Amino acid sequence: MPYKETETVKLYYSIGEVSKMFGVNTSLIRFWEKEFDIIKPKKNKKGNRLFTQDDMDNFFIIYHLVKERGFTLEGAKMKLKDNKSGTESNVQVVKSLTRIKDFLLELKKEL
């Protein structure tokens, strides 16, 4: 899973930071922004997108559905529409398991 949560939570993330965290091109981030109405970045005076932590959480859900579970964009939209809270719960479990896995791998290196 390319997504790597940062240790510090920022108020806003640039599109470059978002694309780097998910290991995807900035064009895909812009595309998902247009396709999914749950992504609502702010824009600064220059017109640069500024994504909030809520946007990051929504990107993680979209990434999980599309890239990891193989949903089509339409399938992911329907899943979010029909059962967003259940999907969010599943994603939180995946995040927790990923953190545990990373911790165990670090622990293994130290042994």
C-alpha atoms as a PDB file:
ATOM      1  CA  MET A   1       0.000   0.000   0.000  1.00  0.00           C
ATOM      2  CA  PRO A   2       1.698   3.205  -1.102  1.00  0.00           C
ATOM      3  CA  TYR A   3      -0.359   5.447   1.202  1.00  0.00           C
ATOM      4  CA  LYS A   4       1.730   6.524   4.145  1.00  0.00           C
ATOM      5  CA  GLU A   5       0.169   8.609   6.880  1.00  0.00           C
ATOM      6  CA  THR A   6       2.317  11.428   8.120  1.00  0.00           C
ATOM      7  CA  GLU A   7       3.203  11.694  11.777  1.00  0.00           C
ATOM      8  CA  THR A   8       1.960  15.265  12.005  1.00  0.00           C
ATOM      9  CA  VAL A   9      -1.440  16.351  10.856  1.00  0.00           C
ATOM     10  CA  LYS A  10      -1.345  19.500   8.782  1.00  0.00           C
ATOM     11  CA  LEU A  11      -4.132  21.971   8.220  1.00  0.00           C
ATOM     12  CA  TYR A  12      -3.747  21.740   4.435  1.00  0.00           C
ATOM     13  CA  TYR A  13      -1.916  19.461   2.004  1.00  0.00           C
ATOM     14  CA  SER A  14      -0.783  20.455  -1.489  1.00  0.00           C
ATOM     15  CA  ILE A  15      -1.677  18.318  -4.486  1.00  0.00           C
ATOM     16  CA  GLY A  16       1.979  17.269  -4.711  1.00  0.00           C
ATOM     17  CA  GLU A  17       1.955  16.039  -1.116  1.00  0.00           C
ATOM     18  CA  VAL A  18      -1.283  14.133  -1.695  1.00  0.00           C
ATOM     19  CA  SER A  19      -0.004  12.471  -4.863  1.00  0.00           C
ATOM     20  CA  LYS A  20       3.237  11.504  -3.125  1.00  0.00           C
ATOM     21  CA  MET A  21       1.399   9.990  -0.135  1.00  0.00           C
ATOM     22  CA  PHE A  22      -0.695   7.804  -2.409  1.00  0.00           C
ATOM     23  CA  GLY A  23       2.005   7.084  -4.986  1.00  0.00           C
ATOM     24  CA  VAL A  24      -0.116   8.385  -7.878  1.00  0.00           C
ATOM     25  CA  ASN A  25       0.156  11.222 -10.393  1.00  0.00           C
ATOM     26  CA  THR A  26      -1.276  14.645  -9.610  1.00  0.00           C
ATOM     27  CA  SER A  27      -3.506  14.233 -12.665  1.00  0.00           C
ATOM     28  CA  LEU A  28      -5.218  11.274 -10.948  1.00  0.00           C
ATOM     29  CA  ILE A  29      -5.786  13.381  -7.826  1.00  0.00           C
ATOM     30  CA  ARG A  30      -7.405  16.108  -9.973  1.00  0.00           C
ATOM     31  CA  PHE A  31      -9.485  13.475 -11.779  1.00  0.00           C
ATOM     32  CA  TRP A  32     -10.740  11.946  -8.515  1.00  0.00           C
ATOM     33  CA  GLU A  33     -11.543  15.436  -7.254  1.00  0.00           C
ATOM     34  CA  LYS A  34     -13.806  15.975 -10.277  1.00  0.00           C
ATOM     35  CA  GLU A  35     -15.379  12.523 -10.086  1.00  0.00           C
ATOM     36  CA  PHE A  36     -16.088  12.347  -6.341  1.00  0.00           C
ATOM     37  CA  ASP A  37     -18.088  15.169  -4.790  1.00  0.00           C
ATOM     38  CA  ILE A  38     -16.794  14.289  -1.305  1.00  0.00           C
ATOM     39  CA  ILE A  39     -13.427  15.845  -2.258  1.00  0.00           C
ATOM     40  CA  LYS A  40     -13.702  19.598  -1.774  1.00  0.00           C
ATOM     41  CA  PRO A  41     -10.309  21.317  -1.699  1.00  0.00           C
ATOM     42  CA  LYS A  42      -9.920  24.949  -0.849  1.00  0.00           C
ATOM     43  CA  LYS A  43      -8.007  27.079  -3.343  1.00  0.00           C
ATOM     44  CA  ASN A  44      -5.526  29.811  -2.513  1.00  0.00           C
ATOM     45  CA  LYS A  45      -5.194  33.113  -4.385  1.00  0.00           C
ATOM     46  CA  LYS A  46      -2.991  31.437  -7.008  1.00  0.00           C
ATOM     47  CA  GLY A  47      -5.635  28.752  -7.564  1.00  0.00           C
ATOM     48  CA  ASN A  48      -3.577  25.963  -5.970  1.00  0.00           C
ATOM     49  CA  ARG A  49      -5.606  23.206  -4.376  1.00  0.00           C
ATOM     50  CA  LEU A  50      -5.346  22.868  -0.609  1.00  0.00           C
ATOM     51  CA  PHE A  51      -6.677  19.584   0.733  1.00  0.00           C
ATOM     52  CA  THR A  52      -7.892  19.195   4.331  1.00  0.00           C
ATOM     53  CA  GLN A  53      -7.536  16.129   6.553  1.00  0.00           C
ATOM     54  CA  ASP A  54     -11.151  15.240   5.669  1.00  0.00           C
ATOM     55  CA  ASP A  55     -10.156  15.276   1.998  1.00  0.00           C
ATOM     56  CA  MET A  56      -7.187  13.043   2.834  1.00  0.00           C
ATOM     57  CA  ASP A  57      -9.459  10.571   4.620  1.00  0.00           C
ATOM     58  CA  ASN A  58     -11.808  10.558   1.630  1.00  0.00           C
ATOM     59  CA  PHE A  59      -8.883  10.041  -0.765  1.00  0.00           C
ATOM     60  CA  PHE A  60      -7.842   7.061   1.345  1.00  0.00           C
ATOM     61  CA  ILE A  61     -11.338   5.567   1.016  1.00  0.00           C
ATOM     62  CA  ILE A  62     -11.348   6.149  -2.744  1.00  0.00           C
ATOM     63  CA  TYR A  63      -7.824   4.753  -3.087  1.00  0.00           C
ATOM     64  CA  HIS A  64      -8.771   1.686  -1.060  1.00  0.00           C
ATOM     65  CA  LEU A  65     -11.893   0.990  -3.112  1.00  0.00           C
ATOM     66  CA  VAL A  66     -10.421   1.667  -6.564  1.00  0.00           C
ATOM     67  CA  LYS A  67      -6.780   0.642  -6.301  1.00  0.00           C
ATOM     68  CA  GLU A  68      -6.825  -2.060  -3.630  1.00  0.00           C
ATOM     69  CA  ARG A  69     -10.272  -3.619  -3.969  1.00  0.00           C
ATOM     70  CA  GLY A  70     -10.602  -3.143  -7.734  1.00  0.00           C
ATOM     71  CA  PHE A  71     -13.852  -1.180  -7.813  1.00  0.00           C
ATOM     72  CA  THR A  72     -14.693   0.795 -10.926  1.00  0.00           C
ATOM     73  CA  LEU A  73     -15.239   4.516 -10.391  1.00  0.00           C
ATOM     74  CA  GLU A  74     -18.989   4.003 -10.683  1.00  0.00           C
ATOM     75  CA  GLY A  75     -18.820   1.075  -8.267  1.00  0.00           C
ATOM     76  CA  ALA A  76     -16.853   3.144  -5.767  1.00  0.00           C
ATOM     77  CA  LYS A  77     -19.350   6.008  -6.063  1.00  0.00           C
ATOM     78  CA  MET A  78     -22.243   3.616  -5.429  1.00  0.00           C
ATOM     79  CA  LYS A  79     -20.463   2.039  -2.462  1.00  0.00           C
ATOM     80  CA  LEU A  80     -19.868   5.458  -0.935  1.00  0.00           C
ATOM     81  CA  LYS A  81     -23.448   6.512  -1.602  1.00  0.00           C
ATOM     82  CA  ASP A  82     -25.041   3.316  -0.267  1.00  0.00           C
ATOM     83  CA  ASN A  83     -22.815   2.588   2.727  1.00  0.00           C
ATOM     84  CA  LYS A  84     -20.298   5.342   3.439  1.00  0.00           C
ATOM     85  CA  SER A  85     -20.177   4.710   7.196  1.00  0.00           C
ATOM     86  CA  GLY A  86     -19.580   0.979   6.726  1.00  0.00           C
ATOM     87  CA  THR A  87     -16.907   1.689   4.151  1.00  0.00           C
ATOM     88  CA  GLU A  88     -15.257   4.221   6.479  1.00  0.00           C
ATOM     89  CA  SER A  89     -15.229   1.627   9.273  1.00  0.00           C
ATOM     90  CA  ASN A  90     -13.575  -0.923   7.006  1.00  0.00           C
ATOM     91  CA  VAL A  91     -10.983   1.623   5.917  1.00  0.00           C
ATOM     92  CA  GLN A  92     -10.190   2.477   9.553  1.00  0.00           C
ATOM     93  CA  VAL A  93      -9.548  -1.223  10.194  1.00  0.00           C
ATOM     94  CA  VAL A  94      -7.221  -1.348   7.169  1.00  0.00           C
ATOM     95  CA  LYS A  95      -5.356   1.740   8.436  1.00  0.00           C
ATOM     96  CA  SER A  96      -4.969   0.204  11.900  1.00  0.00           C
ATOM     97  CA  LEU A  97      -3.728  -3.087  10.505  1.00  0.00           C
ATOM     98  CA  THR A  98      -1.251  -1.251   8.275  1.00  0.00           C
ATOM     99  CA  ARG A  99       0.132   0.649  11.274  1.00  0.00           C
ATOM    100  CA  ILE A 100       0.462  -2.624  13.224  1.00  0.00           C
ATOM    101  CA  LYS A 101       2.190  -4.279  10.269  1.00  0.00           C
ATOM    102  CA  ASP A 102       4.634  -1.366   9.937  1.00  0.00           C
ATOM    103  CA  PHE A 103       5.354  -1.503  13.667  1.00  0.00           C
ATOM    104  CA  LEU A 104       5.975  -5.255  13.563  1.00  0.00           C
ATOM    105  CA  LEU A 105       8.264  -4.931  10.552  1.00  0.00           C
ATOM    106  CA  GLU A 106      10.291  -2.246  12.367  1.00  0.00           C
ATOM    107  CA  LEU A 107      10.420  -4.462  15.438  1.00  0.00           C
ATOM    108  CA  LYS A 108      11.634  -7.387  13.334  1.00  0.00           C
ATOM    109  CA  LYS A 109      14.464  -5.247  11.934  1.00  0.00           C
ATOM    110  CA  GLU A 110      15.660  -4.507  15.456  1.00  0.00           C
ATOM    111  CA  LEU A 111      15.820  -8.173  16.480  1.00  0.00           C
END
